[in-house]
């Protein structure tokens, strides 16, 4: 008998960047998020609960840098604290029916 060592992999269709940028999936933020100084934002994950950076915490953008934001906490017992918030990678929810 002849065993197949490896099966051919079908990479399927290739999706353009423009098409991928137009997708709006539950659990993912928009492709392009425009922030300004003074913008009110809500944290979407438990980043540092011991510093008050939990899911649902409201923050005001104080300054923006290439890889992090300087934000001020406006709700909860840590209101008034200034924190540094790095870029956070957002992955899809995993249960979506997208082929990529």
Protein backbone atom coordinates (compact mmCIF):
# COMPACT_ATOMS: atom_id res chain seq x y z
CA UNK A 1 0.00 0.00 0.00
CA UNK A 2 1.07 3.56 -0.65
CA UNK A 3 0.66 6.13 2.15
CA UNK A 4 0.41 9.81 1.37
CA UNK A 5 2.99 11.72 3.41
CA UNK A 6 1.33 15.07 3.13
CA UNK A 7 -1.90 16.27 1.63
CA UNK A 8 -2.12 19.26 -0.63
CA UNK A 9 -3.25 22.37 1.16
CA UNK A 10 -5.92 24.44 -0.54
CA UNK A 11 -5.38 28.09 0.39
CA UNK A 12 -8.75 29.01 -1.07
CA UNK A 13 -9.50 32.49 -2.26
CA UNK A 14 -7.25 35.40 -1.49
CA UNK A 15 -8.98 38.39 0.09
CA UNK A 16 -7.84 41.93 -0.63
CA UNK A 17 -6.90 44.28 2.18
CA UNK A 18 -9.63 46.68 1.07
CA UNK A 19 -12.27 43.96 1.42
CA UNK A 20 -11.01 42.85 4.84
CA UNK A 21 -11.03 46.46 6.07
CA UNK A 22 -14.72 46.79 5.21
CA UNK A 23 -15.81 43.85 7.39
CA UNK A 24 -17.65 44.72 10.58
CA UNK A 25 -17.71 41.76 12.93
CA UNK A 26 -19.10 41.50 16.44
CA UNK A 27 -16.28 41.59 18.95
CA UNK A 28 -13.90 43.60 16.77
CA UNK A 29 -13.49 47.37 16.74
CA UNK A 30 -13.72 49.25 13.44
CA UNK A 31 -10.77 49.03 11.08
CA UNK A 32 -9.87 52.64 11.72
CA UNK A 33 -10.51 54.21 15.10
CA UNK A 34 -10.11 57.99 15.20
CA UNK A 35 -9.34 59.40 18.63
CA UNK A 36 -8.75 62.96 19.74
CA UNK A 37 -7.51 64.46 22.94
CA UNK A 38 -10.48 64.60 25.30
CA UNK A 39 -12.28 61.64 23.70
CA UNK A 40 -14.24 59.47 26.11
CA UNK A 41 -13.46 55.76 25.62
CA UNK A 42 -14.60 52.59 27.34
CA UNK A 43 -12.13 49.82 28.09
CA UNK A 44 -13.25 46.52 26.53
CA UNK A 45 -11.19 44.08 28.60
CA UNK A 46 -9.80 43.61 32.06
CA UNK A 47 -6.37 45.13 31.49
CA UNK A 48 -5.13 45.81 35.04
CA UNK A 49 -7.91 45.40 37.63
CA UNK A 50 -5.58 46.31 40.50
CA UNK A 51 -5.18 49.76 38.89
CA UNK A 52 -8.87 50.18 38.04
CA UNK A 53 -8.49 49.29 34.35
CA UNK A 54 -11.37 46.83 34.03
CA UNK A 55 -13.94 46.01 31.38
CA UNK A 56 -16.39 48.94 31.19
CA UNK A 57 -14.10 51.53 32.81
CA UNK A 58 -14.55 54.96 31.24
CA UNK A 59 -11.37 56.85 30.32
CA UNK A 60 -10.55 60.22 28.80
CA UNK A 61 -7.69 60.42 26.31
CA UNK A 62 -5.11 62.91 27.58
CA UNK A 63 -2.30 62.33 25.04
CA UNK A 64 -1.62 59.94 22.17
CA UNK A 65 1.70 58.38 21.25
CA UNK A 66 2.67 55.88 18.55
CA UNK A 67 2.40 52.81 20.79
CA UNK A 68 0.36 53.89 23.79
CA UNK A 69 -2.27 56.32 25.09
CA UNK A 70 -2.12 58.45 28.20
CA UNK A 71 -5.61 58.22 29.71
CA UNK A 72 -7.36 59.50 32.83
CA UNK A 73 -9.81 57.21 34.65
CA UNK A 74 -13.18 58.96 35.12
CA UNK A 75 -15.27 56.27 36.86
CA UNK A 76 -14.95 54.08 39.92
CA UNK A 77 -12.67 54.27 42.94
CA UNK A 78 -9.64 55.03 40.76
CA UNK A 79 -11.20 58.15 39.16
CA UNK A 80 -8.60 60.80 38.48
CA UNK A 81 -5.67 58.39 38.07
CA UNK A 82 -3.57 58.86 34.95
CA UNK A 83 -2.53 55.60 33.28
CA UNK A 84 -0.58 54.46 30.23
CA UNK A 85 -2.54 52.13 27.96
CA UNK A 86 -0.53 50.23 25.31
CA UNK A 87 -1.93 49.09 21.99
CA UNK A 88 -3.95 45.93 22.52
CA UNK A 89 -4.27 43.32 19.79
CA UNK A 90 -7.90 42.49 19.04
CA UNK A 91 -8.62 39.06 17.60
CA UNK A 92 -11.89 37.84 16.23
CA UNK A 93 -14.23 35.95 18.51
CA UNK A 94 -13.38 32.60 16.99
CA UNK A 95 -16.99 31.54 16.48
CA UNK A 96 -17.48 33.71 13.41
CA UNK A 97 -18.02 32.03 10.07
CA UNK A 98 -15.19 33.90 8.37
CA UNK A 99 -12.70 31.66 6.53
CA UNK A 100 -9.60 33.53 7.77
